[in-house]
PDB file of N, CA and C in Angstrom:
ATOM      1  N   MET A   1     -83.897  36.457   1.474  1.00  0.00           N
ATOM      2  CA  MET A   1     -83.545  35.545   0.489  1.00  0.00           C
ATOM      3  C   MET A   1     -84.524  35.172  -0.381  1.00  0.00           C
ATOM      4  N   THR A   2     -84.552  35.398  -2.098  1.00  0.00           N
ATOM      5  CA  THR A   2     -85.879  35.245  -3.079  1.00  0.00           C
ATOM      6  C   THR A   2     -85.513  33.681  -3.214  1.00  0.00           C
ATOM      7  N   PRO A   3     -86.220  32.779  -3.923  1.00  0.00           N
ATOM      8  CA  PRO A   3     -86.618  31.998  -4.488  1.00  0.00           C
ATOM      9  C   PRO A   3     -85.413  31.557  -5.649  1.00  0.00           C
ATOM     10  N   GLU A   4     -85.659  32.830  -6.203  1.00  0.00           N
ATOM     11  CA  GLU A   4     -84.712  32.570  -7.782  1.00  0.00           C
ATOM     12  C   GLU A   4     -83.422  33.115  -7.074  1.00  0.00           C
ATOM     13  N   GLN A   5     -83.250  33.690  -6.213  1.00  0.00           N
ATOM     14  CA  GLN A   5     -81.360  33.653  -5.180  1.00  0.00           C
ATOM     15  C   GLN A   5     -81.259  32.794  -4.939  1.00  0.00           C
ATOM     16  N   LYS A   6     -81.878  31.492  -4.603  1.00  0.00           N
ATOM     17  CA  LYS A   6     -81.911  30.772  -4.029  1.00  0.00           C
ATOM     18  C   LYS A   6     -80.901  29.656  -4.737  1.00  0.00           C
ATOM     19  N   TYR A   7     -81.750  29.022  -5.994  1.00  0.00           N
ATOM     20  CA  TYR A   7     -81.457  28.534  -7.146  1.00  0.00           C
ATOM     21  C   TYR A   7     -80.815  29.063  -7.728  1.00  0.00           C
ATOM     22  N   GLN A   8     -79.089  28.453  -7.431  1.00  0.00           N
ATOM     23  CA  GLN A   8     -78.142  28.977  -8.500  1.00  0.00           C
ATOM     24  C   GLN A   8     -77.981  28.486  -9.871  1.00  0.00           C
ATOM     25  N   TYR A   9     -78.705  27.226 -10.106  1.00  0.00           N
ATOM     26  CA  TYR A   9     -78.027  27.017 -11.628  1.00  0.00           C
ATOM     27  C   TYR A   9     -79.711  27.631 -12.517  1.00  0.00           C
ATOM     28  N   GLN A  10     -80.143  28.419 -11.946  1.00  0.00           N
ATOM     29  CA  GLN A  10     -81.228  29.052 -12.857  1.00  0.00           C
ATOM     30  C   GLN A  10     -80.572  28.974 -14.235  1.00  0.00           C
ATOM     31  N   ARG A  11     -79.882  30.417 -14.191  1.00  0.00           N
ATOM     32  CA  ARG A  11     -79.781  30.448 -16.153  1.00  0.00           C
ATOM     33  C   ARG A  11     -79.481  29.548 -16.631  1.00  0.00           C
ATOM     34  N   ILE A  12     -78.558  28.938 -16.185  1.00  0.00           N
ATOM     35  CA  ILE A  12     -77.522  27.205 -16.259  1.00  0.00           C
ATOM     36  C   ILE A  12     -78.590  25.987 -17.297  1.00  0.00           C
ATOM     37  N   ILE A  13     -79.745  26.275 -16.050  1.00  0.00           N
ATOM     38  CA  ILE A  13     -81.357  25.329 -16.041  1.00  0.00           C
ATOM     39  C   ILE A  13     -81.635  26.477 -17.630  1.00  0.00           C
ATOM     40  N   ASN A  14     -82.099  27.246 -17.571  1.00  0.00           N
ATOM     41  CA  ASN A  14     -83.225  27.770 -19.012  1.00  0.00           C
ATOM     42  C   ASN A  14     -82.427  27.797 -20.044  1.00  0.00           C
ATOM     43  N   THR A  15     -80.837  28.237 -20.348  1.00  0.00           N
ATOM     44  CA  THR A  15     -80.232  27.429 -21.661  1.00  0.00           C
ATOM     45  C   THR A  15     -80.365  26.213 -21.415  1.00  0.00           C
ATOM     46  N   LEU A  16     -80.350  25.369 -20.927  1.00  0.00           N
ATOM     47  CA  LEU A  16     -80.196  24.028 -21.206  1.00  0.00           C
ATOM     48  C   LEU A  16     -81.743  23.772 -21.303  1.00  0.00           C
ATOM     49  N   ILE A  17     -82.637  24.080 -20.861  1.00  0.00           N
ATOM     50  CA  ILE A  17     -84.129  23.401 -21.468  1.00  0.00           C
ATOM     51  C   ILE A  17     -84.050  24.314 -22.883  1.00  0.00           C
ATOM     52  N   LYS A  18     -83.668  25.209 -23.110  1.00  0.00           N
ATOM     53  CA  LYS A  18     -83.951  25.661 -24.466  1.00  0.00           C
ATOM     54  C   LYS A  18     -82.707  24.660 -25.524  1.00  0.00           C
ATOM     55  N   GLN A  19     -81.971  24.474 -25.358  1.00  0.00           N
ATOM     56  CA  GLN A  19     -81.388  23.725 -26.206  1.00  0.00           C
ATOM     57  C   GLN A  19     -81.924  21.839 -26.173  1.00  0.00           C
ATOM     58  N   ARG A  20     -82.330  21.624 -25.383  1.00  0.00           N
ATOM     59  CA  ARG A  20     -83.021  20.379 -25.191  1.00  0.00           C
ATOM     60  C   ARG A  20     -84.260  20.440 -26.787  1.00  0.00           C
ATOM     61  N   LYS A  21     -84.899  21.344 -26.226  1.00  0.00           N
ATOM     62  CA  LYS A  21     -86.074  21.678 -26.820  1.00  0.00           C
ATOM     63  C   LYS A  21     -86.082  22.210 -28.132  1.00  0.00           C
ATOM     64  N   SER A  22     -84.338  23.514 -28.700  1.00  0.00           N
ATOM     65  CA  SER A  22     -84.026  23.478 -30.188  1.00  0.00           C
ATOM     66  C   SER A  22     -83.416  22.039 -30.446  1.00  0.00           C
ATOM     67  N   LYS A  23     -83.170  21.376 -29.604  1.00  0.00           N
ATOM     68  CA  LYS A  23     -82.806  19.808 -30.770  1.00  0.00           C
ATOM     69  C   LYS A  23     -83.538  18.992 -30.561  1.00  0.00           C
ATOM     70  N   GLY A  24     -85.053  19.205 -30.354  1.00  0.00           N
ATOM     71  CA  GLY A  24     -86.099  18.475 -30.473  1.00  0.00           C
ATOM     72  C   GLY A  24     -86.227  17.153 -29.536  1.00  0.00           C
ATOM     73  N   LEU A  25     -85.449  17.586 -28.493  1.00  0.00           N
ATOM     74  CA  LEU A  25     -85.139  16.020 -27.667  1.00  0.00           C
ATOM     75  C   LEU A  25     -86.706  15.972 -26.629  1.00  0.00           C
ATOM     76  N   THR A  26     -87.501  15.065 -25.687  1.00  0.00           N
ATOM     77  CA  THR A  26     -88.590  14.930 -24.734  1.00  0.00           C
ATOM     78  C   THR A  26     -87.137  14.923 -23.862  1.00  0.00           C
ATOM     79  N   ILE A  27     -88.024  15.353 -22.365  1.00  0.00           N
ATOM     80  CA  ILE A  27     -87.574  15.117 -21.166  1.00  0.00           C
ATOM     81  C   ILE A  27     -87.231  13.308 -21.146  1.00  0.00           C
ATOM     82  N   GLU A  28     -88.062  12.575 -21.439  1.00  0.00           N
ATOM     83  CA  GLU A  28     -88.182  10.947 -21.251  1.00  0.00           C
ATOM     84  C   GLU A  28     -86.858  10.846 -21.874  1.00  0.00           C
ATOM     85  N   SER A  29     -86.495  10.806 -23.209  1.00  0.00           N
ATOM     86  CA  SER A  29     -85.181  10.283 -23.875  1.00  0.00           C
ATOM     87  C   SER A  29     -83.736  11.383 -23.168  1.00  0.00           C
ATOM     88  N   LEU A  30     -83.823  12.772 -23.220  1.00  0.00           N
ATOM     89  CA  LEU A  30     -82.789  13.015 -22.488  1.00  0.00           C
ATOM     90  C   LEU A  30     -82.455  12.588 -20.967  1.00  0.00           C
ATOM     91  N   ALA A  31     -83.647  12.141 -20.353  1.00  0.00           N
ATOM     92  CA  ALA A  31     -83.271  10.892 -18.813  1.00  0.00           C
ATOM     93  C   ALA A  31     -82.632   9.781 -19.063  1.00  0.00           C
ATOM     94  N   MET A  32     -83.057   9.502 -20.131  1.00  0.00           N
ATOM     95  CA  MET A  32     -81.900   8.105 -20.355  1.00  0.00           C
ATOM     96  C   MET A  32     -81.226   8.325 -20.891  1.00  0.00           C
ATOM     97  N   THR A  33     -80.622   9.083 -21.940  1.00  0.00           N
ATOM     98  CA  THR A  33     -79.165   9.468 -21.392  1.00  0.00           C
ATOM     99  C   THR A  33     -78.949  10.265 -21.055  1.00  0.00           C
ATOM    100  N   ILE A  34     -79.346  10.710 -20.151  1.00  0.00           N
ATOM    101  CA  ILE A  34     -78.437  11.448 -18.813  1.00  0.00           C
ATOM    102  C   ILE A  34     -77.971  10.388 -17.523  1.00  0.00           C
ATOM    103  N   GLY A  35     -79.379   9.291 -17.430  1.00  0.00           N
ATOM    104  CA  GLY A  35     -78.936   8.398 -16.722  1.00  0.00           C
ATOM    105  C   GLY A  35     -79.742   8.334 -15.700  1.00  0.00           C
ATOM    106  N   THR A  36     -80.806   9.093 -15.602  1.00  0.00           N
ATOM    107  CA  THR A  36     -81.910   9.447 -14.272  1.00  0.00           C
ATOM    108  C   THR A  36     -83.195   9.310 -14.741  1.00  0.00           C
ATOM    109  N   ASP A  37     -84.211   9.395 -13.868  1.00  0.00           N
ATOM    110  CA  ASP A  37     -85.428   9.220 -14.812  1.00  0.00           C
ATOM    111  C   ASP A  37     -86.190  10.553 -15.078  1.00  0.00           C
ATOM    112  N   THR A  38     -86.702  10.312 -15.679  1.00  0.00           N
ATOM    113  CA  THR A  38     -87.809  11.766 -16.161  1.00  0.00           C
ATOM    114  C   THR A  38     -88.662  12.349 -14.389  1.00  0.00           C
ATOM    115  N   LYS A  39     -89.360  12.018 -13.591  1.00  0.00           N
ATOM    116  CA  LYS A  39     -89.145  12.670 -12.654  1.00  0.00           C
ATOM    117  C   LYS A  39     -88.240  13.655 -11.631  1.00  0.00           C
ATOM    118  N   THR A  40     -86.867  13.281 -12.446  1.00  0.00           N
ATOM    119  CA  THR A  40     -85.566  13.688 -11.203  1.00  0.00           C
ATOM    120  C   THR A  40     -85.498  15.178 -12.659  1.00  0.00           C
ATOM    121  N   LEU A  41     -85.349  14.465 -14.086  1.00  0.00           N
ATOM    122  CA  LEU A  41     -84.616  15.749 -15.084  1.00  0.00           C
ATOM    123  C   LEU A  41     -86.208  16.425 -14.915  1.00  0.00           C
ATOM    124  N   GLY A  42     -87.335  16.144 -14.787  1.00  0.00           N
ATOM    125  CA  GLY A  42     -88.895  17.154 -14.707  1.00  0.00           C
ATOM    126  C   GLY A  42     -88.428  18.632 -13.442  1.00  0.00           C
ATOM    127  N   ASP A  43     -88.221  17.676 -12.961  1.00  0.00           N
ATOM    128  CA  ASP A  43     -88.067  18.623 -10.981  1.00  0.00           C
ATOM    129  C   ASP A  43     -86.370  19.466 -11.182  1.00  0.00           C
ATOM    130  N   TRP A  44     -85.586  18.948 -11.865  1.00  0.00           N
ATOM    131  CA  TRP A  44     -84.359  20.407 -12.103  1.00  0.00           C
ATOM    132  C   TRP A  44     -84.878  21.447 -13.609  1.00  0.00           C
ATOM    133  N   GLU A  45     -86.012  20.657 -14.120  1.00  0.00           N
ATOM    134  CA  GLU A  45     -86.228  21.432 -15.154  1.00  0.00           C
ATOM    135  C   GLU A  45     -87.114  22.944 -14.439  1.00  0.00           C
ATOM    136  N   ARG A  46     -87.796  22.596 -13.574  1.00  0.00           N
ATOM    137  CA  ARG A  46     -89.006  23.179 -13.216  1.00  0.00           C
ATOM    138  C   ARG A  46     -88.268  24.132 -11.586  1.00  0.00           C
ATOM    139  N   LYS A  47     -87.035  23.602 -11.809  1.00  0.00           N
ATOM    140  CA  LYS A  47     -86.701  24.127 -10.746  1.00  0.00           C
ATOM    141  C   LYS A  47     -86.698  24.021  -8.920  1.00  0.00           C
ATOM    142  N   VAL A  48     -87.477  22.528  -8.884  1.00  0.00           N
ATOM    143  CA  VAL A  48     -87.889  22.035  -7.799  1.00  0.00           C
ATOM    144  C   VAL A  48     -87.132  21.861  -6.887  1.00  0.00           C
ATOM    145  N   LYS A  49     -85.733  21.043  -7.793  1.00  0.00           N
ATOM    146  CA  LYS A  49     -84.752  20.682  -6.754  1.00  0.00           C
ATOM    147  C   LYS A  49     -83.507  20.481  -7.687  1.00  0.00           C
ATOM    148  N   GLU A  50     -82.511  21.210  -7.003  1.00  0.00           N
ATOM    149  CA  GLU A  50     -81.347  21.566  -7.648  1.00  0.00           C
ATOM    150  C   GLU A  50     -80.351  20.245  -7.779  1.00  0.00           C
ATOM    151  N   PRO A  51     -79.986  20.055  -9.602  1.00  0.00           N
ATOM    152  CA  PRO A  51     -78.660  19.120  -9.724  1.00  0.00           C
ATOM    153  C   PRO A  51     -77.914  19.562  -8.838  1.00  0.00           C
ATOM    154  N   ARG A  52     -77.070  18.287  -8.395  1.00  0.00           N
ATOM    155  CA  ARG A  52     -75.701  17.891  -8.137  1.00  0.00           C
ATOM    156  C   ARG A  52     -74.723  18.510  -9.425  1.00  0.00           C
ATOM    157  N   LEU A  53     -73.782  18.847  -9.356  1.00  0.00           N
ATOM    158  CA  LEU A  53     -72.630  19.325  -9.946  1.00  0.00           C
ATOM    159  C   LEU A  53     -72.678  17.970 -10.965  1.00  0.00           C
ATOM    160  N   PHE A  54     -72.350  16.755 -10.654  1.00  0.00           N
ATOM    161  CA  PHE A  54     -71.873  15.947 -11.530  1.00  0.00           C
ATOM    162  C   PHE A  54     -73.044  15.720 -12.928  1.00  0.00           C
ATOM    163  N   ASN A  55     -74.614  15.704 -11.858  1.00  0.00           N
ATOM    164  CA  ASN A  55     -75.819  15.884 -12.855  1.00  0.00           C
ATOM    165  C   ASN A  55     -75.892  16.664 -14.007  1.00  0.00           C
ATOM    166  N   LEU A  56     -75.451  17.696 -13.614  1.00  0.00           N
ATOM    167  CA  LEU A  56     -75.703  18.851 -14.615  1.00  0.00           C
ATOM    168  C   LEU A  56     -74.527  19.253 -15.304  1.00  0.00           C
ATOM    169  N   LEU A  57     -73.238  18.542 -15.032  1.00  0.00           N
ATOM    170  CA  LEU A  57     -71.992  18.095 -16.552  1.00  0.00           C
ATOM    171  C   LEU A  57     -72.523  16.914 -17.179  1.00  0.00           C
ATOM    172  N   CYS A  58     -73.145  15.782 -16.770  1.00  0.00           N
ATOM    173  CA  CYS A  58     -73.931  14.849 -17.491  1.00  0.00           C
ATOM    174  C   CYS A  58     -74.703  15.573 -18.252  1.00  0.00           C
ATOM    175  N   TRP A  59     -76.147  16.417 -18.185  1.00  0.00           N
ATOM    176  CA  TRP A  59     -76.733  17.240 -18.708  1.00  0.00           C
ATOM    177  C   TRP A  59     -76.857  17.940 -19.691  1.00  0.00           C
ATOM    178  N   CYS A  60     -75.103  18.509 -19.404  1.00  0.00           N
ATOM    179  CA  CYS A  60     -74.443  19.230 -20.452  1.00  0.00           C
ATOM    180  C   CYS A  60     -73.663  18.872 -21.772  1.00  0.00           C
ATOM    181  N   GLU A  61     -73.078  17.377 -21.255  1.00  0.00           N
ATOM    182  CA  GLU A  61     -72.426  16.469 -22.490  1.00  0.00           C
ATOM    183  C   GLU A  61     -73.898  15.689 -23.331  1.00  0.00           C
ATOM    184  N   ALA A  62     -74.773  15.752 -22.354  1.00  0.00           N
ATOM    185  CA  ALA A  62     -75.523  14.577 -23.569  1.00  0.00           C
ATOM    186  C   ALA A  62     -76.278  16.024 -24.901  1.00  0.00           C
ATOM    187  N   LEU A  63     -76.282  16.709 -24.255  1.00  0.00           N
ATOM    188  CA  LEU A  63     -76.894  18.209 -24.702  1.00  0.00           C
ATOM    189  C   LEU A  63     -75.804  18.785 -25.992  1.00  0.00           C
ATOM    190  N   GLN A  64     -74.068  18.243 -25.485  1.00  0.00           N
ATOM    191  CA  GLN A  64     -73.005  18.702 -26.565  1.00  0.00           C
ATOM    192  C   GLN A  64     -72.766  19.880 -26.232  1.00  0.00           C
ATOM    193  N   VAL A  65     -73.029  20.672 -25.210  1.00  0.00           N
ATOM    194  CA  VAL A  65     -72.741  21.593 -24.714  1.00  0.00           C
ATOM    195  C   VAL A  65     -71.723  21.789 -23.743  1.00  0.00           C
ATOM    196  N   TYR A  66     -70.975  23.575 -23.651  1.00  0.00           N
ATOM    197  CA  TYR A  66     -69.949  23.152 -22.612  1.00  0.00           C
ATOM    198  C   TYR A  66     -70.376  24.341 -21.671  1.00  0.00           C
ATOM    199  N   LEU A  67     -70.070  23.802 -20.314  1.00  0.00           N
ATOM    200  CA  LEU A  67     -69.992  24.590 -19.455  1.00  0.00           C
ATOM    201  C   LEU A  67     -68.823  25.038 -18.798  1.00  0.00           C
ATOM    202  N   ASN A  68     -68.826  27.166 -18.600  1.00  0.00           N
ATOM    203  CA  ASN A  68     -67.698  27.167 -18.194  1.00  0.00           C
ATOM    204  C   ASN A  68     -67.939  28.084 -16.976  1.00  0.00           C
ATOM    205  N   ALA A  69     -67.008  27.987 -16.303  1.00  0.00           N
ATOM    206  CA  ALA A  69     -66.710  28.617 -14.798  1.00  0.00           C
ATOM    207  C   ALA A  69     -66.462  29.961 -15.132  1.00  0.00           C
ATOM    208  N   GLN A  70     -66.526  31.116 -14.601  1.00  0.00           N
ATOM    209  CA  GLN A  70     -65.962  32.150 -14.312  1.00  0.00           C
ATOM    210  C   GLN A  70     -65.515  32.239 -12.533  1.00  0.00           C
ATOM    211  N   LEU A  71     -64.431  33.052 -11.946  1.00  0.00           N
ATOM    212  CA  LEU A  71     -64.558  33.431 -10.979  1.00  0.00           C
ATOM    213  C   LEU A  71     -64.564  34.489 -10.379  1.00  0.00           C
ATOM    214  N   ASN A  72     -65.360  35.129  -9.635  1.00  0.00           N
ATOM    215  CA  ASN A  72     -65.548  36.922  -9.738  1.00  0.00           C
ATOM    216  C   ASN A  72     -65.093  37.359  -8.214  1.00  0.00           C
ATOM    217  N   ASP A  73     -64.904  38.228  -8.036  1.00  0.00           N
ATOM    218  CA  ASP A  73     -64.259  38.605  -6.504  1.00  0.00           C
ATOM    219  C   ASP A  73     -65.384  38.672  -5.233  1.00  0.00           C
ATOM    220  N   GLY A  74     -65.327  37.815  -4.330  1.00  0.00           N
ATOM    221  CA  GLY A  74     -65.835  37.295  -3.457  1.00  0.00           C
ATOM    222  C   GLY A  74     -67.138  36.816  -3.762  1.00  0.00           C
ATOM    223  N   GLU A  75     -66.943  35.800  -5.098  1.00  0.00           N
ATOM    224  CA  GLU A  75     -68.248  35.185  -5.405  1.00  0.00           C
ATOM    225  C   GLU A  75     -67.725  34.074  -5.625  1.00  0.00           C
ATOM    226  N   PHE A  76     -68.794  32.575  -5.212  1.00  0.00           N
ATOM    227  CA  PHE A  76     -68.396  31.521  -5.576  1.00  0.00           C
ATOM    228  C   PHE A  76     -69.186  30.363  -4.995  1.00  0.00           C
TER     229      PHE A  76
END
């Protein structure tokens, strides 16, 4: 398994990074809004660490985007 396959939120994180940048937010300001530190948010963005689902939902809420889940047969 490659590192890209191992990191389950890769596509979501890439979208959230684009949203943060398009809104002109810094990692520092977004981290404060989410309630985490800048190192942790930076680690999530660099895909060094994977956020927990709760943190991912807080991140989405802070950027005013919605996360939809879709189940496929044999995948979850």
